[in-house]
Amino acid sequence: MKTLEFGDMIFYAIVSLILILLFWLRFLEPSIGLWGAWLVWAAWACFLVRSYLKARRARL
């Protein structure tokens, strides 16, 4: 399995932010405000950072 590189993490974070916001605005904003999308994205970004740091520690 390929390890997550720093550039991959940044790319996935930005693309996921765009996709989550578009999905949220289309389907979920009438019931849950836009802050919910930011919370979902923050959790996803934390997961990506944790995965990157875990893989980096394993390589050292």
C-alpha atoms as a PDB file:
ATOM      1  CA  MET A   1       0.000   0.000   0.000  1.00  0.00           C
ATOM      2  CA  LYS A   2       1.295   3.429  -0.947  1.00  0.00           C
ATOM      3  CA  THR A   3       1.855   5.789   1.955  1.00  0.00           C
ATOM      4  CA  LEU A   4       0.228   9.187   2.100  1.00  0.00           C
ATOM      5  CA  GLU A   5       2.587  11.988   1.085  1.00  0.00           C
ATOM      6  CA  PHE A   6       2.282  15.612   2.205  1.00  0.00           C
ATOM      7  CA  GLY A   7       1.104  16.798  -1.224  1.00  0.00           C
ATOM      8  CA  ASP A   8      -1.495  14.028  -1.343  1.00  0.00           C
ATOM      9  CA  MET A   9      -2.835  15.100   2.030  1.00  0.00           C
ATOM     10  CA  ILE A  10      -3.171  18.741   0.931  1.00  0.00           C
ATOM     11  CA  PHE A  11      -4.848  17.744  -2.347  1.00  0.00           C
ATOM     12  CA  TYR A  12      -7.347  15.397  -0.665  1.00  0.00           C
ATOM     13  CA  ALA A  13      -8.163  18.019   1.968  1.00  0.00           C
ATOM     14  CA  ILE A  14      -8.900  20.735  -0.595  1.00  0.00           C
ATOM     15  CA  VAL A  15     -10.875  18.494  -2.942  1.00  0.00           C
ATOM     16  CA  SER A  16     -12.874  17.027  -0.073  1.00  0.00           C
ATOM     17  CA  LEU A  17     -13.700  20.520   1.206  1.00  0.00           C
ATOM     18  CA  ILE A  18     -15.107  21.469  -2.192  1.00  0.00           C
ATOM     19  CA  LEU A  19     -17.082  18.232  -2.545  1.00  0.00           C
ATOM     20  CA  ILE A  20     -18.466  18.332   0.990  1.00  0.00           C
ATOM     21  CA  LEU A  21     -19.558  21.960   0.613  1.00  0.00           C
ATOM     22  CA  LEU A  22     -21.264  21.318  -2.734  1.00  0.00           C
ATOM     23  CA  PHE A  23     -23.045  18.233  -1.398  1.00  0.00           C
ATOM     24  CA  TRP A  24     -24.014  20.078   1.769  1.00  0.00           C
ATOM     25  CA  LEU A  25     -25.406  23.096  -0.074  1.00  0.00           C
ATOM     26  CA  ARG A  26     -27.463  20.883  -2.373  1.00  0.00           C
ATOM     27  CA  PHE A  27     -28.934  18.415   0.104  1.00  0.00           C
ATOM     28  CA  LEU A  28     -28.386  19.259   3.762  1.00  0.00           C
ATOM     29  CA  GLU A  29     -28.307  23.015   4.237  1.00  0.00           C
ATOM     30  CA  PRO A  30     -32.079  23.474   4.680  1.00  0.00           C
ATOM     31  CA  SER A  31     -31.996  21.211   7.737  1.00  0.00           C
ATOM     32  CA  ILE A  32     -28.443  21.721   9.047  1.00  0.00           C
ATOM     33  CA  GLY A  33     -26.514  24.962   8.632  1.00  0.00           C
ATOM     34  CA  LEU A  34     -23.294  25.333   6.723  1.00  0.00           C
ATOM     35  CA  TRP A  35     -21.309  25.046   9.962  1.00  0.00           C
ATOM     36  CA  GLY A  36     -22.043  21.319   9.872  1.00  0.00           C
ATOM     37  CA  ALA A  37     -20.128  20.949   6.611  1.00  0.00           C
ATOM     38  CA  TRP A  38     -17.135  22.668   8.165  1.00  0.00           C
ATOM     39  CA  LEU A  39     -17.273  20.287  11.132  1.00  0.00           C
ATOM     40  CA  VAL A  40     -17.385  17.254   8.835  1.00  0.00           C
ATOM     41  CA  TRP A  41     -14.480  18.629   6.826  1.00  0.00           C
ATOM     42  CA  ALA A  42     -12.463  19.396   9.981  1.00  0.00           C
ATOM     43  CA  ALA A  43     -12.911  15.794  11.138  1.00  0.00           C
ATOM     44  CA  TRP A  44     -11.801  14.529   7.703  1.00  0.00           C
ATOM     45  CA  ALA A  45      -8.771  16.861   7.703  1.00  0.00           C
ATOM     46  CA  CYS A  46      -7.792  15.631  11.189  1.00  0.00           C
ATOM     47  CA  PHE A  47      -8.004  12.060   9.931  1.00  0.00           C
ATOM     48  CA  LEU A  48      -5.755  12.901   6.966  1.00  0.00           C
ATOM     49  CA  VAL A  49      -3.182  14.644   9.150  1.00  0.00           C
ATOM     50  CA  ARG A  50      -3.197  11.752  11.625  1.00  0.00           C
ATOM     51  CA  SER A  51      -2.727   9.255   8.773  1.00  0.00           C
ATOM     52  CA  TYR A  52       0.136  11.277   7.344  1.00  0.00           C
ATOM     53  CA  LEU A  53       1.909  11.603  10.690  1.00  0.00           C
ATOM     54  CA  LYS A  54       1.435   7.903  11.460  1.00  0.00           C
ATOM     55  CA  ALA A  55       2.939   6.909   8.093  1.00  0.00           C
ATOM     56  CA  ARG A  56       5.802   9.364   8.546  1.00  0.00           C
ATOM     57  CA  ARG A  57       6.658   7.981  11.988  1.00  0.00           C
ATOM     58  CA  ALA A  58       6.608   4.446  10.600  1.00  0.00           C
ATOM     59  CA  ARG A  59       9.140   5.399   7.913  1.00  0.00           C
ATOM     60  CA  LEU A  60      11.563   6.916  10.429  1.00  0.00           C
END
